[in-house]
């Protein structure tokens, strides 16, 4: 009976980084959610800024919005690839 307990203890301790890996995964998912929130705020502010530029008749605001749209598109691509990249990094280091 004690042999089974000893084998269970060895198997339970075979992955010493499992708790650290789960904490890092939770932190990364929280950071990705914050980035998604910032991305949504950038889209909303770009829309509002474009509408105000159209109403005020200032084409300079409209041209600045296109740069913001490009930056948001790049952030969207990074947000979509963040999960696989972070999982890969956690698996490599831990």
N, C-alpha and C. Protein backbone atom coordinates (compact mmCIF):
# COMPACT_ATOMS: atom_id res chain seq x y z
N UNK A 1 0.82 -1.19 0.00
CA UNK A 1 0.00 0.00 0.00
C UNK A 1 0.86 1.26 0.00
N UNK A 2 1.95 1.21 0.76
CA UNK A 2 2.81 2.39 0.81
C UNK A 2 3.54 2.61 -0.51
N UNK A 3 3.69 1.53 -1.30
CA UNK A 3 4.32 1.68 -2.61
C UNK A 3 3.44 2.52 -3.55
N UNK A 4 2.13 2.33 -3.46
CA UNK A 4 1.22 3.11 -4.29
C UNK A 4 1.23 4.58 -3.90
N UNK A 5 1.32 4.83 -2.61
CA UNK A 5 1.38 6.21 -2.14
C UNK A 5 2.68 6.86 -2.60
N UNK A 6 3.78 6.12 -2.53
CA UNK A 6 5.07 6.65 -2.98
C UNK A 6 5.06 6.92 -4.48
N UNK A 7 4.48 6.02 -5.26
CA UNK A 7 4.37 6.23 -6.70
C UNK A 7 3.49 7.44 -6.99
N UNK A 8 2.40 7.61 -6.24
CA UNK A 8 1.53 8.77 -6.41
C UNK A 8 2.25 10.06 -6.09
N UNK A 9 3.08 10.06 -5.07
CA UNK A 9 3.84 11.26 -4.72
C UNK A 9 4.86 11.60 -5.80
N UNK A 10 5.50 10.59 -6.35
CA UNK A 10 6.48 10.83 -7.41
C UNK A 10 5.79 11.38 -8.65
N UNK A 11 4.63 10.83 -9.00
CA UNK A 11 3.90 11.32 -10.17
C UNK A 11 3.36 12.72 -9.94
N UNK A 12 2.96 13.03 -8.72
CA UNK A 12 2.43 14.36 -8.43
C UNK A 12 3.53 15.41 -8.49
N UNK A 13 4.76 15.03 -8.20
CA UNK A 13 5.86 15.99 -8.20
C UNK A 13 6.67 15.96 -9.48
N UNK A 14 6.19 15.27 -10.50
CA UNK A 14 6.96 15.16 -11.74
C UNK A 14 6.97 16.46 -12.53
N UNK A 15 5.99 17.33 -12.31
CA UNK A 15 5.93 18.61 -13.01
C UNK A 15 5.99 19.73 -11.98
N UNK A 16 7.20 20.19 -11.64
CA UNK A 16 7.32 21.20 -10.58
C UNK A 16 6.84 22.59 -11.00
N UNK A 17 6.70 22.84 -12.30
CA UNK A 17 6.31 24.16 -12.78
C UNK A 17 4.84 24.26 -13.15
N UNK A 18 4.03 23.27 -12.77
CA UNK A 18 2.63 23.30 -13.19
C UNK A 18 1.88 24.48 -12.58
N UNK A 19 2.12 24.77 -11.31
CA UNK A 19 1.43 25.91 -10.68
C UNK A 19 1.93 27.23 -11.25
N UNK A 20 3.23 27.33 -11.46
CA UNK A 20 3.79 28.54 -12.03
C UNK A 20 3.28 28.75 -13.45
N UNK A 21 3.18 27.67 -14.21
CA UNK A 21 2.66 27.75 -15.57
C UNK A 21 1.21 28.23 -15.57
N UNK A 22 0.41 27.74 -14.64
CA UNK A 22 -0.99 28.17 -14.60
C UNK A 22 -1.12 29.64 -14.18
N UNK A 23 -0.26 30.10 -13.26
CA UNK A 23 -0.29 31.51 -12.85
C UNK A 23 0.12 32.40 -14.02
N UNK A 24 1.17 32.02 -14.72
CA UNK A 24 1.63 32.81 -15.87
C UNK A 24 0.57 32.83 -16.96
N UNK A 25 -0.09 31.72 -17.17
CA UNK A 25 -1.16 31.66 -18.17
C UNK A 25 -2.31 32.60 -17.80
N UNK A 26 -2.67 32.63 -16.51
CA UNK A 26 -3.74 33.53 -16.07
C UNK A 26 -3.33 35.00 -16.23
N UNK A 27 -2.09 35.32 -15.89
CA UNK A 27 -1.61 36.70 -16.03
C UNK A 27 -1.61 37.10 -17.50
N UNK A 28 -1.15 36.21 -18.37
CA UNK A 28 -1.13 36.52 -19.80
C UNK A 28 -2.54 36.69 -20.36
N UNK A 29 -3.47 35.87 -19.89
CA UNK A 29 -4.84 36.03 -20.38
C UNK A 29 -5.44 37.34 -19.88
N UNK A 30 -5.11 37.75 -18.66
CA UNK A 30 -5.57 39.04 -18.16
C UNK A 30 -4.98 40.19 -18.98
N UNK A 31 -3.70 40.10 -19.29
CA UNK A 31 -3.07 41.13 -20.10
C UNK A 31 -3.67 41.19 -21.50
N UNK A 32 -4.00 40.04 -22.07
CA UNK A 32 -4.63 40.02 -23.39
C UNK A 32 -6.03 40.62 -23.35
N UNK A 33 -6.75 40.41 -22.25
CA UNK A 33 -8.07 41.01 -22.13
C UNK A 33 -7.96 42.53 -22.00
N UNK A 34 -6.95 43.00 -21.29
CA UNK A 34 -6.73 44.44 -21.18
C UNK A 34 -6.37 45.02 -22.56
N UNK A 35 -5.55 44.30 -23.31
CA UNK A 35 -5.21 44.76 -24.66
C UNK A 35 -6.43 44.79 -25.57
N UNK A 36 -7.30 43.80 -25.43
CA UNK A 36 -8.53 43.80 -26.24
C UNK A 36 -9.42 44.97 -25.86
N UNK A 37 -9.47 45.31 -24.58
CA UNK A 37 -10.25 46.46 -24.15
C UNK A 37 -9.67 47.75 -24.72
N UNK A 38 -8.35 47.89 -24.69
CA UNK A 38 -7.71 49.07 -25.26
C UNK A 38 -7.94 49.15 -26.77
N UNK A 39 -7.94 47.99 -27.43
CA UNK A 39 -8.21 47.95 -28.85
C UNK A 39 -9.64 48.43 -29.14
N UNK A 40 -10.59 47.98 -28.34
CA UNK A 40 -11.97 48.42 -28.52
C UNK A 40 -12.10 49.93 -28.28
N UNK A 41 -11.40 50.43 -27.26
CA UNK A 41 -11.44 51.87 -27.00
C UNK A 41 -10.81 52.66 -28.14
N UNK A 42 -9.76 52.14 -28.75
CA UNK A 42 -9.14 52.82 -29.88
C UNK A 42 -10.07 52.87 -31.08
N UNK A 43 -10.81 51.81 -31.30
CA UNK A 43 -11.77 51.80 -32.40
C UNK A 43 -12.87 52.82 -32.16
N UNK A 44 -13.38 52.86 -30.95
CA UNK A 44 -14.45 53.80 -30.62
C UNK A 44 -13.97 55.24 -30.71
N UNK A 45 -12.80 55.53 -30.17
CA UNK A 45 -12.30 56.91 -30.23
C UNK A 45 -11.99 57.32 -31.66
N UNK A 46 -11.51 56.38 -32.48
CA UNK A 46 -11.28 56.69 -33.89
C UNK A 46 -12.56 57.02 -34.61
N UNK A 47 -13.62 56.26 -34.31
CA UNK A 47 -14.92 56.54 -34.93
C UNK A 47 -15.44 57.90 -34.52
N UNK A 48 -15.38 58.20 -33.23
CA UNK A 48 -15.87 59.49 -32.73
C UNK A 48 -15.03 60.62 -33.29
N UNK A 49 -13.72 60.43 -33.34
CA UNK A 49 -12.85 61.47 -33.89
C UNK A 49 -13.14 61.73 -35.36
N UNK A 50 -13.40 60.68 -36.12
CA UNK A 50 -13.73 60.85 -37.54
C UNK A 50 -15.06 61.58 -37.70
N UNK A 51 -16.02 61.26 -36.87
CA UNK A 51 -17.31 61.95 -36.96
C UNK A 51 -17.18 63.42 -36.60
N UNK A 52 -16.40 63.72 -35.58
CA UNK A 52 -16.20 65.12 -35.21
C UNK A 52 -15.43 65.88 -36.29
N UNK A 53 -14.48 65.22 -36.91
CA UNK A 53 -13.75 65.85 -38.00
C UNK A 53 -14.64 66.13 -39.19
N UNK A 54 -15.57 65.21 -39.46
CA UNK A 54 -16.51 65.43 -40.57
C UNK A 54 -17.47 66.57 -40.26
N UNK A 55 -17.97 66.60 -39.02
CA UNK A 55 -18.91 67.65 -38.64
C UNK A 55 -18.23 69.02 -38.62
N UNK A 56 -16.99 69.06 -38.10
CA UNK A 56 -16.28 70.34 -38.00
C UNK A 56 -15.70 70.78 -39.33
N UNK A 57 -15.64 69.89 -40.31
CA UNK A 57 -15.10 70.24 -41.61
C UNK A 57 -13.59 70.36 -41.60
N UNK A 58 -12.93 69.58 -40.75
CA UNK A 58 -11.47 69.61 -40.69
C UNK A 58 -10.92 68.32 -41.28
N UNK A 59 -10.44 68.36 -42.50
CA UNK A 59 -9.93 67.14 -43.13
C UNK A 59 -8.66 66.61 -42.48
N UNK A 60 -7.96 67.45 -41.73
CA UNK A 60 -6.76 66.96 -41.06
C UNK A 60 -7.10 65.90 -40.01
N UNK A 61 -8.24 66.06 -39.36
CA UNK A 61 -8.65 65.03 -38.40
C UNK A 61 -8.98 63.73 -39.11
N UNK A 62 -9.59 63.83 -40.29
CA UNK A 62 -9.91 62.62 -41.04
C UNK A 62 -8.65 61.89 -41.50
N UNK A 63 -7.63 62.64 -41.89
CA UNK A 63 -6.40 61.98 -42.33
C UNK A 63 -5.66 61.35 -41.16
N UNK A 64 -5.76 61.96 -39.98
CA UNK A 64 -5.13 61.36 -38.80
C UNK A 64 -5.82 60.07 -38.39
N UNK A 65 -7.11 59.98 -38.67
CA UNK A 65 -7.85 58.78 -38.30
C UNK A 65 -7.34 57.58 -39.08
N UNK A 66 -6.91 57.79 -40.33
CA UNK A 66 -6.42 56.65 -41.12
C UNK A 66 -5.15 56.06 -40.52
N UNK A 67 -4.32 56.90 -39.93
CA UNK A 67 -3.14 56.36 -39.25
C UNK A 67 -3.55 55.56 -38.02
N UNK A 68 -4.57 56.05 -37.33
CA UNK A 68 -5.05 55.32 -36.16
C UNK A 68 -5.68 53.99 -36.58
N UNK A 69 -6.39 53.99 -37.69
CA UNK A 69 -6.99 52.74 -38.19
C UNK A 69 -5.91 51.73 -38.54
N UNK A 70 -4.83 52.20 -39.15
CA UNK A 70 -3.71 51.30 -39.45
C UNK A 70 -3.08 50.74 -38.20
N UNK A 71 -2.90 51.58 -37.20
CA UNK A 71 -2.33 51.11 -35.93
C UNK A 71 -3.25 50.11 -35.25
N UNK A 72 -4.55 50.36 -35.30
CA UNK A 72 -5.51 49.43 -34.70
C UNK A 72 -5.51 48.10 -35.45
N UNK A 73 -5.35 48.13 -36.76
CA UNK A 73 -5.30 46.88 -37.54
C UNK A 73 -4.06 46.07 -37.16
N UNK A 74 -2.95 46.74 -36.97
CA UNK A 74 -1.74 46.04 -36.54
C UNK A 74 -1.93 45.46 -35.14
N UNK A 75 -2.56 46.23 -34.25
CA UNK A 75 -2.82 45.73 -32.90
C UNK A 75 -3.78 44.54 -32.93
N UNK A 76 -4.74 44.57 -33.85
CA UNK A 76 -5.66 43.44 -33.98
C UNK A 76 -4.91 42.19 -34.41
N UNK A 77 -4.01 42.31 -35.35
CA UNK A 77 -3.22 41.15 -35.77
C UNK A 77 -2.37 40.62 -34.61
N UNK A 78 -1.79 41.53 -33.84
CA UNK A 78 -1.01 41.10 -32.68
C UNK A 78 -1.89 40.44 -31.63
N UNK A 79 -3.09 40.96 -31.43
CA UNK A 79 -4.00 40.37 -30.45
C UNK A 79 -4.45 38.98 -30.87
N UNK A 80 -4.66 38.80 -32.17
CA UNK A 80 -5.08 37.47 -32.64
C UNK A 80 -3.98 36.43 -32.53
N UNK A 81 -2.73 36.86 -32.65
CA UNK A 81 -1.62 35.91 -32.55
C UNK A 81 -1.00 35.86 -31.16
N UNK A 82 -1.53 36.64 -30.21
CA UNK A 82 -0.93 36.69 -28.88
C UNK A 82 -1.10 35.39 -28.11
N UNK A 83 -2.25 34.76 -28.24
CA UNK A 83 -2.50 33.53 -27.48
C UNK A 83 -1.55 32.40 -27.90
N UNK A 84 -1.44 32.09 -29.19
CA UNK A 84 -0.49 31.03 -29.56
C UNK A 84 0.96 31.38 -29.21
N UNK A 85 1.33 32.65 -29.38
CA UNK A 85 2.71 33.04 -29.08
C UNK A 85 2.97 32.91 -27.58
N UNK A 86 2.05 33.37 -26.75
CA UNK A 86 2.27 33.28 -25.30
C UNK A 86 2.27 31.84 -24.82
N UNK A 87 1.40 31.00 -25.37
CA UNK A 87 1.42 29.58 -25.01
C UNK A 87 2.72 28.92 -25.42
N UNK A 88 3.23 29.29 -26.59
CA UNK A 88 4.50 28.75 -27.04
C UNK A 88 5.64 29.17 -26.12
N UNK A 89 5.65 30.43 -25.72
CA UNK A 89 6.70 30.92 -24.83
C UNK A 89 6.63 30.26 -23.45
N UNK A 90 5.42 30.08 -22.93
CA UNK A 90 5.29 29.40 -21.64
C UNK A 90 5.76 27.96 -21.74
N UNK A 91 5.42 27.28 -22.82
CA UNK A 91 5.88 25.90 -23.00
C UNK A 91 7.39 25.80 -23.17
N UNK A 92 7.99 26.80 -23.83
CA UNK A 92 9.44 26.76 -24.03
C UNK A 92 10.19 27.00 -22.72
N UNK A 93 9.76 28.00 -21.95
CA UNK A 93 10.50 28.37 -20.75
C UNK A 93 10.15 27.55 -19.53
N UNK A 94 8.94 26.98 -19.50
CA UNK A 94 8.55 26.20 -18.32
C UNK A 94 8.09 24.84 -18.76
